[in-house]
């Protein structure tokens, strides 16, 4: 049976973005959308890379 493929962590990226915007709004009283995007996008890419790395590790164990 084929293993499910790794999906891009859209929900996690949106969660990071909303969390940063909320933190800025509560701490400073204004939203910094660009800053939140610049933090959330790389975090999502790192999370995706980590998922792919874990998936490859599991596939490697399965074939040996």
Protein backbone atom coordinates (compact mmCIF):
# COMPACT_ATOMS: atom_id res chain seq x y z
CA UNK A 1 0.00 0.00 0.00
CA UNK A 2 1.52 3.38 -0.98
CA UNK A 3 2.30 5.81 1.80
CA UNK A 4 0.51 9.17 1.80
CA UNK A 5 2.59 12.00 0.40
CA UNK A 6 3.73 14.93 2.49
CA UNK A 7 1.51 17.98 2.21
CA UNK A 8 2.53 21.59 2.64
CA UNK A 9 1.64 22.84 6.16
CA UNK A 10 -0.83 25.55 5.17
CA UNK A 11 -2.79 25.42 8.43
CA UNK A 12 0.39 25.67 10.50
CA UNK A 13 1.61 28.63 8.42
CA UNK A 14 -1.68 30.44 8.87
CA UNK A 15 -1.56 29.69 12.58
CA UNK A 16 1.94 31.14 12.89
CA UNK A 17 0.88 34.22 10.89
CA UNK A 18 -2.23 34.82 13.01
CA UNK A 19 -0.27 34.27 16.21
CA UNK A 20 2.36 36.84 15.25
CA UNK A 21 -0.26 39.38 14.16
CA UNK A 22 -2.18 38.87 17.42
CA UNK A 23 1.00 39.17 19.48
CA UNK A 24 1.90 42.46 17.74
CA UNK A 25 -1.62 43.78 18.15
CA UNK A 26 -1.71 42.97 21.86
CA UNK A 27 1.85 44.09 22.61
CA UNK A 28 2.13 47.22 20.45
CA UNK A 29 -1.44 48.10 19.54
CA UNK A 30 -0.89 47.72 15.78
CA UNK A 31 -0.46 44.90 13.29
CA UNK A 32 2.71 44.34 11.29
CA UNK A 33 1.48 42.17 8.42
CA UNK A 34 4.78 42.19 6.48
CA UNK A 35 6.76 41.11 9.55
CA UNK A 36 4.27 38.31 10.20
CA UNK A 37 4.54 37.12 6.58
CA UNK A 38 8.34 37.25 6.68
CA UNK A 39 8.33 35.02 9.76
CA UNK A 40 5.46 32.65 8.88
CA UNK A 41 6.64 31.82 5.33
CA UNK A 42 10.11 30.52 6.27
CA UNK A 43 8.67 28.71 9.30
CA UNK A 44 6.23 26.91 7.00
CA UNK A 45 9.05 25.96 4.64
CA UNK A 46 11.15 24.63 7.52
CA UNK A 47 8.17 22.66 8.83
CA UNK A 48 7.58 21.21 5.35
CA UNK A 49 11.26 20.26 5.08
CA UNK A 50 11.12 18.57 8.47
CA UNK A 51 8.04 16.59 7.43
CA UNK A 52 9.74 15.48 4.21
CA UNK A 53 12.88 14.50 6.11
CA UNK A 54 10.86 12.42 8.58
CA UNK A 55 8.93 10.80 5.75
CA UNK A 56 12.15 9.86 3.96
CA UNK A 57 13.51 8.37 7.17
CA UNK A 58 10.44 6.20 7.57
CA UNK A 59 10.58 5.11 3.92
CA UNK A 60 14.24 4.19 4.30
CA UNK A 61 13.45 2.00 7.32
CA UNK A 62 10.61 0.33 5.49
CA UNK A 63 12.75 -0.76 2.53
CA UNK A 64 15.53 -2.37 4.59
